[in-house]
Amino acid sequence: MNENMEGHTREERMKVLISNISAYIEQYHGGSAELVSFEDDIVKVKLGGACNGCPLSTYTLKGWVEGTIKQFFPDVEVMAAD
């Protein structure tokens, strides 16, 4: 994540991080990740594109998305959005 994020809110930093994750997922397998909400240390993410209906989407959410988010926000819980 960009080191020049000082002075930005946690939500702004989370949006940038998920946008970067989404770009990576899109480039490598045509999927996407979208921030739905970030409240009380709970992040809700919606997967789309090739991830929509993919039997491996749970692994993408828990592996790529949650794994990356926890590197920068170790105290948050990542959940799939409905």
N, C-alpha and C. Protein backbone atom coordinates (compact mmCIF):
# COMPACT_ATOMS: atom_id res chain seq x y z
N MET A 1 0.85 -1.17 0.00
CA MET A 1 0.00 0.00 0.00
C MET A 1 0.90 1.23 0.00
N ASN A 2 0.42 2.29 -0.61
CA ASN A 2 1.17 3.54 -0.72
C ASN A 2 1.54 4.06 0.66
N GLU A 3 2.80 4.38 0.85
CA GLU A 3 3.27 4.87 2.15
C GLU A 3 2.82 6.30 2.42
N ASN A 4 2.33 7.03 1.43
CA ASN A 4 1.88 8.41 1.61
C ASN A 4 0.43 8.48 2.06
N MET A 5 -0.03 7.50 2.79
CA MET A 5 -1.42 7.46 3.26
C MET A 5 -1.56 8.07 4.65
N GLU A 6 -0.49 8.62 5.20
CA GLU A 6 -0.58 9.27 6.50
C GLU A 6 -1.57 10.41 6.40
N GLY A 7 -2.36 10.60 7.45
CA GLY A 7 -3.34 11.67 7.45
C GLY A 7 -4.68 11.27 6.85
N HIS A 8 -4.75 10.08 6.28
CA HIS A 8 -6.01 9.59 5.73
C HIS A 8 -6.71 8.72 6.77
N THR A 9 -8.01 8.65 6.71
CA THR A 9 -8.76 7.83 7.65
C THR A 9 -8.49 6.35 7.39
N ARG A 10 -8.83 5.53 8.36
CA ARG A 10 -8.70 4.07 8.17
C ARG A 10 -9.56 3.61 7.00
N GLU A 11 -10.75 4.18 6.87
CA GLU A 11 -11.63 3.77 5.77
C GLU A 11 -11.02 4.14 4.42
N GLU A 12 -10.42 5.31 4.33
CA GLU A 12 -9.78 5.71 3.07
C GLU A 12 -8.62 4.77 2.74
N ARG A 13 -7.84 4.42 3.75
CA ARG A 13 -6.73 3.50 3.52
C ARG A 13 -7.24 2.12 3.13
N MET A 14 -8.34 1.68 3.75
CA MET A 14 -8.93 0.39 3.41
C MET A 14 -9.43 0.38 1.97
N LYS A 15 -10.07 1.47 1.54
CA LYS A 15 -10.55 1.57 0.15
C LYS A 15 -9.40 1.44 -0.84
N VAL A 16 -8.31 2.11 -0.57
CA VAL A 16 -7.14 2.04 -1.45
C VAL A 16 -6.58 0.62 -1.47
N LEU A 17 -6.48 0.01 -0.31
CA LEU A 17 -5.94 -1.34 -0.22
C LEU A 17 -6.80 -2.33 -1.00
N ILE A 18 -8.12 -2.28 -0.81
CA ILE A 18 -9.00 -3.21 -1.52
C ILE A 18 -8.99 -2.92 -3.02
N SER A 19 -8.87 -1.67 -3.41
CA SER A 19 -8.75 -1.34 -4.82
C SER A 19 -7.49 -1.97 -5.42
N ASN A 20 -6.39 -1.94 -4.68
CA ASN A 20 -5.15 -2.57 -5.14
C ASN A 20 -5.29 -4.09 -5.22
N ILE A 21 -5.95 -4.67 -4.22
CA ILE A 21 -6.18 -6.12 -4.23
C ILE A 21 -7.05 -6.48 -5.43
N SER A 22 -8.08 -5.70 -5.68
CA SER A 22 -8.98 -5.96 -6.80
C SER A 22 -8.24 -5.91 -8.13
N ALA A 23 -7.37 -4.94 -8.29
CA ALA A 23 -6.59 -4.84 -9.53
C ALA A 23 -5.72 -6.07 -9.73
N TYR A 24 -5.15 -6.57 -8.67
CA TYR A 24 -4.32 -7.77 -8.74
C TYR A 24 -5.17 -8.99 -9.11
N ILE A 25 -6.32 -9.15 -8.45
CA ILE A 25 -7.21 -10.28 -8.74
C ILE A 25 -7.70 -10.20 -10.19
N GLU A 26 -8.05 -9.01 -10.62
CA GLU A 26 -8.53 -8.84 -12.00
C GLU A 26 -7.45 -9.21 -13.01
N GLN A 27 -6.24 -8.77 -12.76
CA GLN A 27 -5.14 -9.05 -13.68
C GLN A 27 -4.85 -10.55 -13.77
N TYR A 28 -4.89 -11.24 -12.65
CA TYR A 28 -4.48 -12.64 -12.65
C TYR A 28 -5.58 -13.65 -12.95
N HIS A 29 -6.84 -13.33 -12.65
CA HIS A 29 -7.87 -14.29 -13.02
C HIS A 29 -9.24 -13.70 -13.32
N GLY A 30 -9.30 -12.43 -13.60
CA GLY A 30 -10.54 -11.82 -14.06
C GLY A 30 -11.58 -11.56 -13.00
N GLY A 31 -11.21 -11.67 -11.75
CA GLY A 31 -12.14 -11.40 -10.66
C GLY A 31 -12.02 -9.96 -10.18
N SER A 32 -12.77 -9.65 -9.14
CA SER A 32 -12.69 -8.32 -8.55
C SER A 32 -13.08 -8.39 -7.08
N ALA A 33 -12.69 -7.36 -6.34
CA ALA A 33 -13.05 -7.23 -4.93
C ALA A 33 -13.54 -5.80 -4.72
N GLU A 34 -14.63 -5.68 -3.99
CA GLU A 34 -15.23 -4.36 -3.73
C GLU A 34 -15.50 -4.20 -2.24
N LEU A 35 -15.09 -3.06 -1.69
CA LEU A 35 -15.40 -2.75 -0.30
C LEU A 35 -16.87 -2.38 -0.20
N VAL A 36 -17.60 -3.11 0.62
CA VAL A 36 -19.02 -2.83 0.83
C VAL A 36 -19.19 -1.98 2.08
N SER A 37 -18.50 -2.36 3.16
CA SER A 37 -18.56 -1.56 4.38
C SER A 37 -17.34 -1.83 5.25
N PHE A 38 -17.06 -0.87 6.12
CA PHE A 38 -15.95 -0.98 7.07
C PHE A 38 -16.40 -0.28 8.33
N GLU A 39 -16.93 -1.07 9.27
CA GLU A 39 -17.45 -0.51 10.52
C GLU A 39 -17.04 -1.40 11.69
N ASP A 40 -16.65 -0.77 12.78
CA ASP A 40 -16.32 -1.49 14.02
C ASP A 40 -15.35 -2.64 13.78
N ASP A 41 -14.32 -2.40 13.02
CA ASP A 41 -13.29 -3.39 12.71
C ASP A 41 -13.81 -4.61 11.96
N ILE A 42 -14.92 -4.46 11.26
CA ILE A 42 -15.45 -5.51 10.39
C ILE A 42 -15.49 -4.97 8.97
N VAL A 43 -14.80 -5.67 8.07
CA VAL A 43 -14.75 -5.29 6.67
C VAL A 43 -15.61 -6.27 5.89
N LYS A 44 -16.54 -5.74 5.13
CA LYS A 44 -17.35 -6.59 4.26
C LYS A 44 -16.92 -6.34 2.82
N VAL A 45 -16.58 -7.44 2.14
CA VAL A 45 -16.06 -7.38 0.79
C VAL A 45 -16.92 -8.24 -0.12
N LYS A 46 -17.20 -7.71 -1.30
CA LYS A 46 -17.96 -8.45 -2.30
C LYS A 46 -17.02 -8.80 -3.45
N LEU A 47 -16.98 -10.09 -3.77
CA LEU A 47 -16.18 -10.54 -4.91
C LEU A 47 -17.06 -10.54 -6.15
N GLY A 48 -16.49 -10.19 -7.28
CA GLY A 48 -17.25 -10.15 -8.52
C GLY A 48 -16.42 -10.65 -9.68
N GLY A 49 -16.89 -10.37 -10.89
CA GLY A 49 -16.20 -10.83 -12.09
C GLY A 49 -16.14 -12.33 -12.11
N ALA A 50 -14.99 -12.88 -12.44
CA ALA A 50 -14.81 -14.33 -12.52
C ALA A 50 -14.98 -15.00 -11.15
N CYS A 51 -14.89 -14.25 -10.06
CA CYS A 51 -15.07 -14.82 -8.72
C CYS A 51 -16.54 -15.12 -8.42
N ASN A 52 -17.44 -14.44 -9.10
CA ASN A 52 -18.86 -14.62 -8.86
C ASN A 52 -19.27 -16.04 -9.23
N GLY A 53 -19.66 -16.82 -8.24
CA GLY A 53 -20.07 -18.20 -8.46
C GLY A 53 -18.94 -19.20 -8.56
N CYS A 54 -17.71 -18.74 -8.47
CA CYS A 54 -16.56 -19.65 -8.55
C CYS A 54 -16.45 -20.46 -7.26
N PRO A 55 -16.26 -21.77 -7.36
CA PRO A 55 -16.15 -22.58 -6.15
C PRO A 55 -14.91 -22.25 -5.30
N LEU A 56 -13.94 -21.55 -5.88
CA LEU A 56 -12.74 -21.18 -5.14
C LEU A 56 -12.80 -19.77 -4.55
N SER A 57 -13.95 -19.10 -4.69
CA SER A 57 -14.05 -17.71 -4.23
C SER A 57 -13.83 -17.59 -2.72
N THR A 58 -14.19 -18.60 -1.95
CA THR A 58 -13.94 -18.56 -0.50
C THR A 58 -12.45 -18.50 -0.24
N TYR A 59 -11.67 -19.24 -1.02
CA TYR A 59 -10.22 -19.23 -0.86
C TYR A 59 -9.63 -17.88 -1.29
N THR A 60 -10.21 -17.29 -2.31
CA THR A 60 -9.75 -15.96 -2.74
C THR A 60 -10.02 -14.95 -1.63
N LEU A 61 -11.23 -15.01 -1.04
CA LEU A 61 -11.57 -14.06 0.03
C LEU A 61 -10.68 -14.27 1.24
N LYS A 62 -10.54 -15.50 1.69
CA LYS A 62 -9.76 -15.77 2.90
C LYS A 62 -8.26 -15.71 2.66
N GLY A 63 -7.83 -16.14 1.50
CA GLY A 63 -6.40 -16.16 1.21
C GLY A 63 -5.87 -14.82 0.76
N TRP A 64 -6.24 -14.43 -0.45
CA TRP A 64 -5.72 -13.18 -1.00
C TRP A 64 -6.24 -11.96 -0.28
N VAL A 65 -7.55 -11.84 -0.17
CA VAL A 65 -8.13 -10.60 0.36
C VAL A 65 -7.84 -10.47 1.85
N GLU A 66 -8.30 -11.43 2.65
CA GLU A 66 -8.09 -11.34 4.09
C GLU A 66 -6.60 -11.37 4.45
N GLY A 67 -5.84 -12.23 3.80
CA GLY A 67 -4.41 -12.32 4.09
C GLY A 67 -3.70 -11.01 3.87
N THR A 68 -4.04 -10.32 2.78
CA THR A 68 -3.42 -9.03 2.49
C THR A 68 -3.90 -7.95 3.46
N ILE A 69 -5.21 -7.90 3.70
CA ILE A 69 -5.74 -6.89 4.62
C ILE A 69 -5.12 -7.03 6.01
N LYS A 70 -4.97 -8.25 6.50
CA LYS A 70 -4.43 -8.48 7.85
C LYS A 70 -2.98 -8.01 7.98
N GLN A 71 -2.26 -7.92 6.87
CA GLN A 71 -0.89 -7.39 6.92
C GLN A 71 -0.88 -5.92 7.32
N PHE A 72 -1.91 -5.19 6.92
CA PHE A 72 -1.99 -3.75 7.18
C PHE A 72 -2.96 -3.39 8.30
N PHE A 73 -3.97 -4.23 8.51
CA PHE A 73 -5.00 -4.02 9.53
C PHE A 73 -5.20 -5.33 10.29
N PRO A 74 -4.25 -5.69 11.16
CA PRO A 74 -4.31 -6.99 11.82
C PRO A 74 -5.51 -7.18 12.74
N ASP A 75 -6.14 -6.10 13.14
CA ASP A 75 -7.25 -6.17 14.10
C ASP A 75 -8.62 -6.29 13.46
N VAL A 76 -8.72 -6.33 12.15
CA VAL A 76 -10.04 -6.36 11.52
C VAL A 76 -10.47 -7.77 11.18
N GLU A 77 -11.77 -7.96 11.08
CA GLU A 77 -12.37 -9.22 10.63
C GLU A 77 -12.88 -8.99 9.22
N VAL A 78 -12.59 -9.91 8.32
CA VAL A 78 -13.00 -9.80 6.92
C VAL A 78 -14.14 -10.78 6.70
N MET A 79 -15.22 -10.26 6.13
CA MET A 79 -16.39 -11.09 5.86
C MET A 79 -16.85 -10.88 4.42
N ALA A 80 -17.50 -11.90 3.88
CA ALA A 80 -18.12 -11.78 2.56
C ALA A 80 -19.40 -10.97 2.70
N ALA A 81 -19.62 -10.05 1.80
CA ALA A 81 -20.86 -9.26 1.79
C ALA A 81 -21.95 -10.08 1.11
N ASP A 82 -23.17 -9.89 1.56
CA ASP A 82 -24.31 -10.61 0.96
C ASP A 82 -24.63 -10.10 -0.41
